């Protein structure tokens, strides 16, 4: 799988079964009322379903990533059984296989211009998210370095630099996700410079504002709170 990620090629192994019809079976305890941000997770992807910027398969992949993230957070409350961990791993591999098997315009009804690259940016962000959260890997792993490079090139083909994109909230999540996962200072500056533009365009004037937007996508607070707030402090310096 890592070899496919480095080359962004389709995996050379088939799935054992048709995953699109397989129900998710990892039990997820009810989210505590205090975790109000958890109730918003994934909302941003659902909103984008009406824009036709994502294919149906892409939306399904992110819906399943939301479920796996909630399962992961539930594991902090209750120790998972070996069967649950096996199912977690199987579902994670299935999502990764699906994302690697897609192309920039797969399944799009409007596969032109910015739309094609928005889906590609989201696809790459999904792969980065898996390596960062669902299968924790160091940022200096070869596959992660390549994913960051591919993501930067894809973002340069969008209008995220203008700050006026209708997908600005999605870009904010993508830039935060990758920005503090980079290892080279010049790459971090690259992401911060774009975050400054996007943060201003969506009205983020504080870390609380930014966190509210991030929680609409994939944002496990126990993992992202500290590194993302540190990245925000760099953005804030340039905002004010």
C-alpha atoms as a PDB file:
ATOM      1  CA  UNK A   1       0.000   0.000   0.000  1.00  0.00           C
ATOM      2  CA  UNK A   2       2.858   2.400   0.803  1.00  0.00           C
ATOM      3  CA  UNK A   3       4.416   1.674  -2.598  1.00  0.00           C
ATOM      4  CA  UNK A   4       1.159   2.615  -4.298  1.00  0.00           C
ATOM      5  CA  UNK A   5       0.972   5.773  -2.202  1.00  0.00           C
ATOM      6  CA  UNK A   6       4.484   6.907  -3.151  1.00  0.00           C
ATOM      7  CA  UNK A   7       3.739   6.504  -6.845  1.00  0.00           C
ATOM      8  CA  UNK A   8       0.031   7.384  -6.534  1.00  0.00           C
ATOM      9  CA  UNK A   9      -0.712   4.216  -8.491  1.00  0.00           C
ATOM     10  CA  UNK A  10      -3.623   1.836  -8.145  1.00  0.00           C
ATOM     11  CA  UNK A  11      -2.994  -0.973  -5.639  1.00  0.00           C
ATOM     12  CA  UNK A  12      -1.931  -4.244  -7.259  1.00  0.00           C
ATOM     13  CA  UNK A  13      -4.149  -6.367  -5.018  1.00  0.00           C
ATOM     14  CA  UNK A  14      -7.948  -6.689  -5.157  1.00  0.00           C
ATOM     15  CA  UNK A  15     -10.165  -6.342  -2.145  1.00  0.00           C
ATOM     16  CA  UNK A  16     -11.350  -9.592  -0.635  1.00  0.00           C
ATOM     17  CA  UNK A  17     -14.968  -8.565  -1.072  1.00  0.00           C
ATOM     18  CA  UNK A  18     -17.103  -5.781  -2.436  1.00  0.00           C
ATOM     19  CA  UNK A  19     -16.578  -3.109   0.193  1.00  0.00           C
ATOM     20  CA  UNK A  20     -19.158  -0.619  -1.033  1.00  0.00           C
ATOM     21  CA  UNK A  21     -21.945  -2.848   0.258  1.00  0.00           C
ATOM     22  CA  UNK A  22     -20.229  -3.958   3.450  1.00  0.00           C
ATOM     23  CA  UNK A  23     -21.689  -2.482   6.620  1.00  0.00           C
ATOM     24  CA  UNK A  24     -19.394  -0.968   9.197  1.00  0.00           C
ATOM     25  CA  UNK A  25     -19.334  -3.202  12.245  1.00  0.00           C
ATOM     26  CA  UNK A  26     -16.949  -1.591  14.738  1.00  0.00           C
ATOM     27  CA  UNK A  27     -19.240  -0.640  17.656  1.00  0.00           C
ATOM     28  CA  UNK A  28     -19.091   3.045  18.541  1.00  0.00           C
ATOM     29  CA  UNK A  29     -20.247   4.054  22.011  1.00  0.00           C
ATOM     30  CA  UNK A  30     -22.471   7.116  22.131  1.00  0.00           C
ATOM     31  CA  UNK A  31     -20.453  10.314  21.977  1.00  0.00           C
ATOM     32  CA  UNK A  32     -20.588  12.156  25.270  1.00  0.00           C
ATOM     33  CA  UNK A  33     -22.682  15.368  25.186  1.00  0.00           C
ATOM     34  CA  UNK A  34     -19.625  17.323  26.310  1.00  0.00           C
ATOM     35  CA  UNK A  35     -17.887  16.467  23.030  1.00  0.00           C
ATOM     36  CA  UNK A  36     -20.003  18.950  21.080  1.00  0.00           C
ATOM     37  CA  UNK A  37     -17.518  19.222  18.229  1.00  0.00           C
ATOM     38  CA  UNK A  38     -17.892  15.516  17.477  1.00  0.00           C
ATOM     39  CA  UNK A  39     -21.511  16.048  16.425  1.00  0.00           C
ATOM     40  CA  UNK A  40     -20.309  18.384  13.675  1.00  0.00           C
ATOM     41  CA  UNK A  41     -17.688  16.026  12.260  1.00  0.00           C
ATOM     42  CA  UNK A  42     -18.278  15.304   8.582  1.00  0.00           C
ATOM     43  CA  UNK A  43     -20.868  18.051   8.160  1.00  0.00           C
ATOM     44  CA  UNK A  44     -18.658  19.897   5.681  1.00  0.00           C
ATOM     45  CA  UNK A  45     -18.443  16.895   3.362  1.00  0.00           C
ATOM     46  CA  UNK A  46     -22.229  16.483   3.371  1.00  0.00           C
ATOM     47  CA  UNK A  47     -22.666  20.138   2.403  1.00  0.00           C
ATOM     48  CA  UNK A  48     -20.364  19.596  -0.578  1.00  0.00           C
ATOM     49  CA  UNK A  49     -22.503  16.701  -1.822  1.00  0.00           C
ATOM     50  CA  UNK A  50     -24.841  19.225  -3.475  1.00  0.00           C
ATOM     51  CA  UNK A  51     -22.032  20.979  -5.379  1.00  0.00           C
ATOM     52  CA  UNK A  52     -21.102  17.971  -7.524  1.00  0.00           C
ATOM     53  CA  UNK A  53     -17.451  18.695  -6.764  1.00  0.00           C
ATOM     54  CA  UNK A  54     -17.035  15.182  -5.299  1.00  0.00           C
ATOM     55  CA  UNK A  55     -17.938  11.870  -6.858  1.00  0.00           C
ATOM     56  CA  UNK A  56     -20.261   9.530  -4.986  1.00  0.00           C
ATOM     57  CA  UNK A  57     -17.370   7.196  -4.204  1.00  0.00           C
ATOM     58  CA  UNK A  58     -15.346  10.067  -2.773  1.00  0.00           C
ATOM     59  CA  UNK A  59     -18.180  11.114  -0.479  1.00  0.00           C
ATOM     60  CA  UNK A  60     -18.655   7.529   0.706  1.00  0.00           C
ATOM     61  CA  UNK A  61     -14.927   7.274   1.483  1.00  0.00           C
ATOM     62  CA  UNK A  62     -15.043  10.388   3.661  1.00  0.00           C
ATOM     63  CA  UNK A  63     -18.234   9.276   5.387  1.00  0.00           C
ATOM     64  CA  UNK A  64     -16.425   6.078   6.320  1.00  0.00           C
ATOM     65  CA  UNK A  65     -13.374   8.035   7.495  1.00  0.00           C
ATOM     66  CA  UNK A  66     -15.672   9.980   9.838  1.00  0.00           C
ATOM     67  CA  UNK A  67     -17.015   6.698  11.263  1.00  0.00           C
ATOM     68  CA  UNK A  68     -13.501   5.295  11.749  1.00  0.00           C
ATOM     69  CA  UNK A  69     -12.408   8.517  13.459  1.00  0.00           C
ATOM     70  CA  UNK A  70     -15.321   8.330  15.873  1.00  0.00           C
ATOM     71  CA  UNK A  71     -14.480   4.673  16.524  1.00  0.00           C
ATOM     72  CA  UNK A  72     -10.864   5.609  17.224  1.00  0.00           C
ATOM     73  CA  UNK A  73     -11.943   8.243  19.728  1.00  0.00           C
ATOM     74  CA  UNK A  74     -14.269   5.726  21.380  1.00  0.00           C
ATOM     75  CA  UNK A  75     -11.298   3.409  21.920  1.00  0.00           C
ATOM     76  CA  UNK A  76     -10.011   5.936  24.472  1.00  0.00           C
ATOM     77  CA  UNK A  77     -13.129   5.274  26.520  1.00  0.00           C
ATOM     78  CA  UNK A  78     -13.314   1.507  26.094  1.00  0.00           C
ATOM     79  CA  UNK A  79     -10.551  -0.922  25.207  1.00  0.00           C
ATOM     80  CA  UNK A  80     -11.339  -2.461  21.805  1.00  0.00           C
ATOM     81  CA  UNK A  81     -11.469  -6.203  21.362  1.00  0.00           C
ATOM     82  CA  UNK A  82      -9.107  -7.970  18.924  1.00  0.00           C
ATOM     83  CA  UNK A  83     -12.110  -8.462  16.623  1.00  0.00           C
ATOM     84  CA  UNK A  84     -12.823  -4.728  16.675  1.00  0.00           C
ATOM     85  CA  UNK A  85      -9.206  -3.892  15.871  1.00  0.00           C
ATOM     86  CA  UNK A  86      -9.187  -6.358  12.983  1.00  0.00           C
ATOM     87  CA  UNK A  87     -12.365  -4.813  11.578  1.00  0.00           C
ATOM     88  CA  UNK A  88     -10.924  -1.324  12.085  1.00  0.00           C
ATOM     89  CA  UNK A  89      -7.806  -2.288  10.120  1.00  0.00           C
ATOM     90  CA  UNK A  90      -9.859  -3.937   7.379  1.00  0.00           C
ATOM     91  CA  UNK A  91     -12.077  -0.894   6.930  1.00  0.00           C
ATOM     92  CA  UNK A  92      -9.075   1.455   6.920  1.00  0.00           C
ATOM     93  CA  UNK A  93      -7.395  -0.593   4.183  1.00  0.00           C
ATOM     94  CA  UNK A  94     -10.602  -0.648   2.142  1.00  0.00           C
ATOM     95  CA  UNK A  95     -10.911   3.155   2.257  1.00  0.00           C
ATOM     96  CA  UNK A  96      -7.243   3.597   1.376  1.00  0.00           C
ATOM     97  CA  UNK A  97      -7.616   1.161  -1.515  1.00  0.00           C
ATOM     98  CA  UNK A  98     -10.621   3.131  -2.778  1.00  0.00           C
ATOM     99  CA  UNK A  99      -8.844   6.509  -2.597  1.00  0.00           C
ATOM    100  CA  UNK A 100      -5.737   5.169  -4.342  1.00  0.00           C
ATOM    101  CA  UNK A 101      -7.881   3.648  -7.090  1.00  0.00           C
ATOM    102  CA  UNK A 102      -9.532   6.962  -7.961  1.00  0.00           C
ATOM    103  CA  UNK A 103      -8.332   9.528 -10.481  1.00  0.00           C
ATOM    104  CA  UNK A 104      -8.794  13.283 -10.326  1.00  0.00           C
ATOM    105  CA  UNK A 105     -12.018  13.291 -12.352  1.00  0.00           C
ATOM    106  CA  UNK A 106     -13.433   9.835 -11.547  1.00  0.00           C
ATOM    107  CA  UNK A 107     -17.201   9.948 -11.177  1.00  0.00           C
ATOM    108  CA  UNK A 108     -17.526  13.720 -11.511  1.00  0.00           C
ATOM    109  CA  UNK A 109     -20.494  15.159 -13.350  1.00  0.00           C
ATOM    110  CA  UNK A 110     -18.603  18.441 -13.777  1.00  0.00           C
ATOM    111  CA  UNK A 111     -15.000  17.237 -14.322  1.00  0.00           C
ATOM    112  CA  UNK A 112     -13.575  20.531 -15.511  1.00  0.00           C
ATOM    113  CA  UNK A 113     -11.571  23.430 -14.160  1.00  0.00           C
ATOM    114  CA  UNK A 114     -11.306  23.848 -10.413  1.00  0.00           C
ATOM    115  CA  UNK A 115     -13.681  20.956  -9.670  1.00  0.00           C
ATOM    116  CA  UNK A 116     -11.252  18.321 -10.894  1.00  0.00           C
ATOM    117  CA  UNK A 117      -8.463  19.584  -8.663  1.00  0.00           C
ATOM    118  CA  UNK A 118     -10.686  20.109  -5.626  1.00  0.00           C
ATOM    119  CA  UNK A 119     -11.478  16.399  -5.697  1.00  0.00           C
ATOM    120  CA  UNK A 120      -7.793  15.573  -6.187  1.00  0.00           C
ATOM    121  CA  UNK A 121      -6.801  17.760  -3.226  1.00  0.00           C
ATOM    122  CA  UNK A 122      -9.413  16.055  -1.056  1.00  0.00           C
ATOM    123  CA  UNK A 123      -8.298  12.609  -2.214  1.00  0.00           C
ATOM    124  CA  UNK A 124      -4.686  13.340  -1.286  1.00  0.00           C
ATOM    125  CA  UNK A 125      -5.776  14.865   2.023  1.00  0.00           C
ATOM    126  CA  UNK A 126      -7.725  11.686   2.792  1.00  0.00           C
ATOM    127  CA  UNK A 127      -4.609   9.576   2.224  1.00  0.00           C
ATOM    128  CA  UNK A 128      -2.548  11.901   4.418  1.00  0.00           C
ATOM    129  CA  UNK A 129      -5.218  11.710   7.116  1.00  0.00           C
ATOM    130  CA  UNK A 130      -5.109   7.909   7.109  1.00  0.00           C
ATOM    131  CA  UNK A 131      -1.332   7.912   7.562  1.00  0.00           C
ATOM    132  CA  UNK A 132      -1.452  10.558  10.217  1.00  0.00           C
ATOM    133  CA  UNK A 133      -4.424   9.470  12.325  1.00  0.00           C
ATOM    134  CA  UNK A 134      -5.653   5.978  11.484  1.00  0.00           C
ATOM    135  CA  UNK A 135      -2.225   4.434  10.915  1.00  0.00           C
ATOM    136  CA  UNK A 136       0.135   6.822  12.709  1.00  0.00           C
ATOM    137  CA  UNK A 137       3.273   7.246  10.617  1.00  0.00           C
ATOM    138  CA  UNK A 138       6.075   9.792  11.031  1.00  0.00           C
ATOM    139  CA  UNK A 139       5.925  12.794   8.680  1.00  0.00           C
ATOM    140  CA  UNK A 140       9.349  11.912   7.272  1.00  0.00           C
ATOM    141  CA  UNK A 141       8.101   8.572   5.899  1.00  0.00           C
ATOM    142  CA  UNK A 142       8.714   8.481   2.142  1.00  0.00           C
ATOM    143  CA  UNK A 143       5.019   8.052   1.295  1.00  0.00           C
ATOM    144  CA  UNK A 144       4.056  11.085   3.395  1.00  0.00           C
ATOM    145  CA  UNK A 145       6.713  13.300   1.840  1.00  0.00           C
ATOM    146  CA  UNK A 146       5.423  12.328  -1.604  1.00  0.00           C
ATOM    147  CA  UNK A 147       1.809  12.940  -0.622  1.00  0.00           C
ATOM    148  CA  UNK A 148       2.659  16.440   0.598  1.00  0.00           C
ATOM    149  CA  UNK A 149       4.462  17.182  -2.672  1.00  0.00           C
ATOM    150  CA  UNK A 150       1.520  15.934  -4.744  1.00  0.00           C
ATOM    151  CA  UNK A 151      -0.901  17.931  -2.608  1.00  0.00           C
ATOM    152  CA  UNK A 152       1.069  21.150  -3.057  1.00  0.00           C
ATOM    153  CA  UNK A 153       1.012  20.711  -6.836  1.00  0.00           C
ATOM    154  CA  UNK A 154      -2.712  19.992  -6.819  1.00  0.00           C
ATOM    155  CA  UNK A 155      -3.454  23.018  -4.624  1.00  0.00           C
ATOM    156  CA  UNK A 156      -1.486  25.248  -6.987  1.00  0.00           C
ATOM    157  CA  UNK A 157      -3.961  24.273  -9.731  1.00  0.00           C
ATOM    158  CA  UNK A 158      -6.936  25.499  -7.704  1.00  0.00           C
ATOM    159  CA  UNK A 159      -7.956  29.049  -6.841  1.00  0.00           C
ATOM    160  CA  UNK A 160      -7.325  28.625  -3.117  1.00  0.00           C
ATOM    161  CA  UNK A 161      -4.741  31.424  -3.265  1.00  0.00           C
ATOM    162  CA  UNK A 162      -7.450  33.928  -4.167  1.00  0.00           C
ATOM    163  CA  UNK A 163      -9.367  33.389  -0.926  1.00  0.00           C
ATOM    164  CA  UNK A 164     -12.660  33.710  -2.778  1.00  0.00           C
ATOM    165  CA  UNK A 165     -13.258  30.063  -3.532  1.00  0.00           C
ATOM    166  CA  UNK A 166     -16.589  28.500  -2.626  1.00  0.00           C
ATOM    167  CA  UNK A 167     -14.512  25.643  -1.221  1.00  0.00           C
ATOM    168  CA  UNK A 168     -12.524  27.860   1.157  1.00  0.00           C
ATOM    169  CA  UNK A 169     -13.676  26.018   4.281  1.00  0.00           C
ATOM    170  CA  UNK A 170     -12.552  22.695   2.796  1.00  0.00           C
ATOM    171  CA  UNK A 171      -9.208  24.245   1.832  1.00  0.00           C
ATOM    172  CA  UNK A 172      -8.769  25.468   5.413  1.00  0.00           C
ATOM    173  CA  UNK A 173      -9.064  21.884   6.672  1.00  0.00           C
ATOM    174  CA  UNK A 174      -6.719  20.527   3.987  1.00  0.00           C
ATOM    175  CA  UNK A 175      -4.076  23.189   4.641  1.00  0.00           C
ATOM    176  CA  UNK A 176      -4.179  22.641   8.405  1.00  0.00           C
ATOM    177  CA  UNK A 177      -4.019  18.872   7.991  1.00  0.00           C
ATOM    178  CA  UNK A 178      -0.901  19.002   5.828  1.00  0.00           C
ATOM    179  CA  UNK A 179       0.669  22.193   7.147  1.00  0.00           C
ATOM    180  CA  UNK A 180       1.803  20.897  10.503  1.00  0.00           C
ATOM    181  CA  UNK A 181       2.666  17.473   9.071  1.00  0.00           C
ATOM    182  CA  UNK A 182       5.513  18.806   6.959  1.00  0.00           C
ATOM    183  CA  UNK A 183       9.150  18.424   7.917  1.00  0.00           C
ATOM    184  CA  UNK A 184      10.782  21.161   5.808  1.00  0.00           C
ATOM    185  CA  UNK A 185      10.517  24.763   7.111  1.00  0.00           C
ATOM    186  CA  UNK A 186       9.924  26.131   3.595  1.00  0.00           C
ATOM    187  CA  UNK A 187       6.985  23.728   3.137  1.00  0.00           C
ATOM    188  CA  UNK A 188       5.454  24.856   6.428  1.00  0.00           C
ATOM    189  CA  UNK A 189       5.799  28.492   5.318  1.00  0.00           C
ATOM    190  CA  UNK A 190       4.130  27.550   2.015  1.00  0.00           C
ATOM    191  CA  UNK A 191       1.072  26.219   3.838  1.00  0.00           C
ATOM    192  CA  UNK A 192       0.985  29.072   6.374  1.00  0.00           C
ATOM    193  CA  UNK A 193       0.995  31.709   3.606  1.00  0.00           C
ATOM    194  CA  UNK A 194      -2.101  30.131   2.075  1.00  0.00           C
ATOM    195  CA  UNK A 195      -3.758  29.610   5.432  1.00  0.00           C
ATOM    196  CA  UNK A 196      -3.487  33.345   6.063  1.00  0.00           C
ATOM    197  CA  UNK A 197      -5.501  34.034   2.896  1.00  0.00           C
ATOM    198  CA  UNK A 198      -8.092  31.321   3.496  1.00  0.00           C
ATOM    199  CA  UNK A 199      -8.528  32.103   7.209  1.00  0.00           C
ATOM    200  CA  UNK A 200      -9.295  35.715   6.389  1.00  0.00           C
ATOM    201  CA  UNK A 201     -11.755  34.769   3.654  1.00  0.00           C
ATOM    202  CA  UNK A 202     -13.848  32.508   5.908  1.00  0.00           C
ATOM    203  CA  UNK A 203     -13.799  34.918   8.854  1.00  0.00           C
ATOM    204  CA  UNK A 204     -11.435  33.060  11.177  1.00  0.00           C
ATOM    205  CA  UNK A 205     -10.078  35.655  13.600  1.00  0.00           C
ATOM    206  CA  UNK A 206      -9.158  33.323  16.458  1.00  0.00           C
ATOM    207  CA  UNK A 207      -8.224  29.719  17.089  1.00  0.00           C
ATOM    208  CA  UNK A 208     -11.782  29.080  18.265  1.00  0.00           C
ATOM    209  CA  UNK A 209     -13.101  30.306  14.893  1.00  0.00           C
ATOM    210  CA  UNK A 210     -10.689  28.065  12.988  1.00  0.00           C
ATOM    211  CA  UNK A 211     -11.427  25.046  15.172  1.00  0.00           C
ATOM    212  CA  UNK A 212     -15.157  25.433  14.534  1.00  0.00           C
ATOM    213  CA  UNK A 213     -14.539  25.176  10.779  1.00  0.00           C
ATOM    214  CA  UNK A 214     -12.081  22.285  11.091  1.00  0.00           C
ATOM    215  CA  UNK A 215     -14.542  20.288  13.204  1.00  0.00           C
ATOM    216  CA  UNK A 216     -16.936  20.211  10.220  1.00  0.00           C
ATOM    217  CA  UNK A 217     -14.561  17.876   8.394  1.00  0.00           C
ATOM    218  CA  UNK A 218     -12.218  15.364  10.058  1.00  0.00           C
ATOM    219  CA  UNK A 219     -10.853  16.681  13.305  1.00  0.00           C
ATOM    220  CA  UNK A 220     -10.015  14.327  16.184  1.00  0.00           C
ATOM    221  CA  UNK A 221      -9.407  16.924  18.863  1.00  0.00           C
ATOM    222  CA  UNK A 222      -7.287  14.665  21.066  1.00  0.00           C
ATOM    223  CA  UNK A 223      -4.757  14.401  18.228  1.00  0.00           C
ATOM    224  CA  UNK A 224      -5.039  17.737  16.410  1.00  0.00           C
ATOM    225  CA  UNK A 225      -5.706  20.308  19.147  1.00  0.00           C
ATOM    226  CA  UNK A 226      -2.088  20.993  20.142  1.00  0.00           C
ATOM    227  CA  UNK A 227      -0.299  20.892  16.743  1.00  0.00           C
ATOM    228  CA  UNK A 228      -3.062  22.769  14.935  1.00  0.00           C
ATOM    229  CA  UNK A 229      -3.268  25.493  17.578  1.00  0.00           C
ATOM    230  CA  UNK A 230       0.506  25.932  17.261  1.00  0.00           C
ATOM    231  CA  UNK A 231       0.145  26.268  13.479  1.00  0.00           C
ATOM    232  CA  UNK A 232      -2.631  28.792  14.027  1.00  0.00           C
ATOM    233  CA  UNK A 233      -0.286  30.930  16.138  1.00  0.00           C
ATOM    234  CA  UNK A 234       1.956  31.257  13.062  1.00  0.00           C
ATOM    235  CA  UNK A 235      -1.042  32.202  10.927  1.00  0.00           C
ATOM    236  CA  UNK A 236      -2.190  34.737  13.517  1.00  0.00           C
ATOM    237  CA  UNK A 237       1.141  36.567  13.379  1.00  0.00           C
ATOM    238  CA  UNK A 238       0.573  37.288   9.691  1.00  0.00           C
ATOM    239  CA  UNK A 239      -3.146  38.047  10.086  1.00  0.00           C
ATOM    240  CA  UNK A 240      -2.518  40.854  12.546  1.00  0.00           C
END
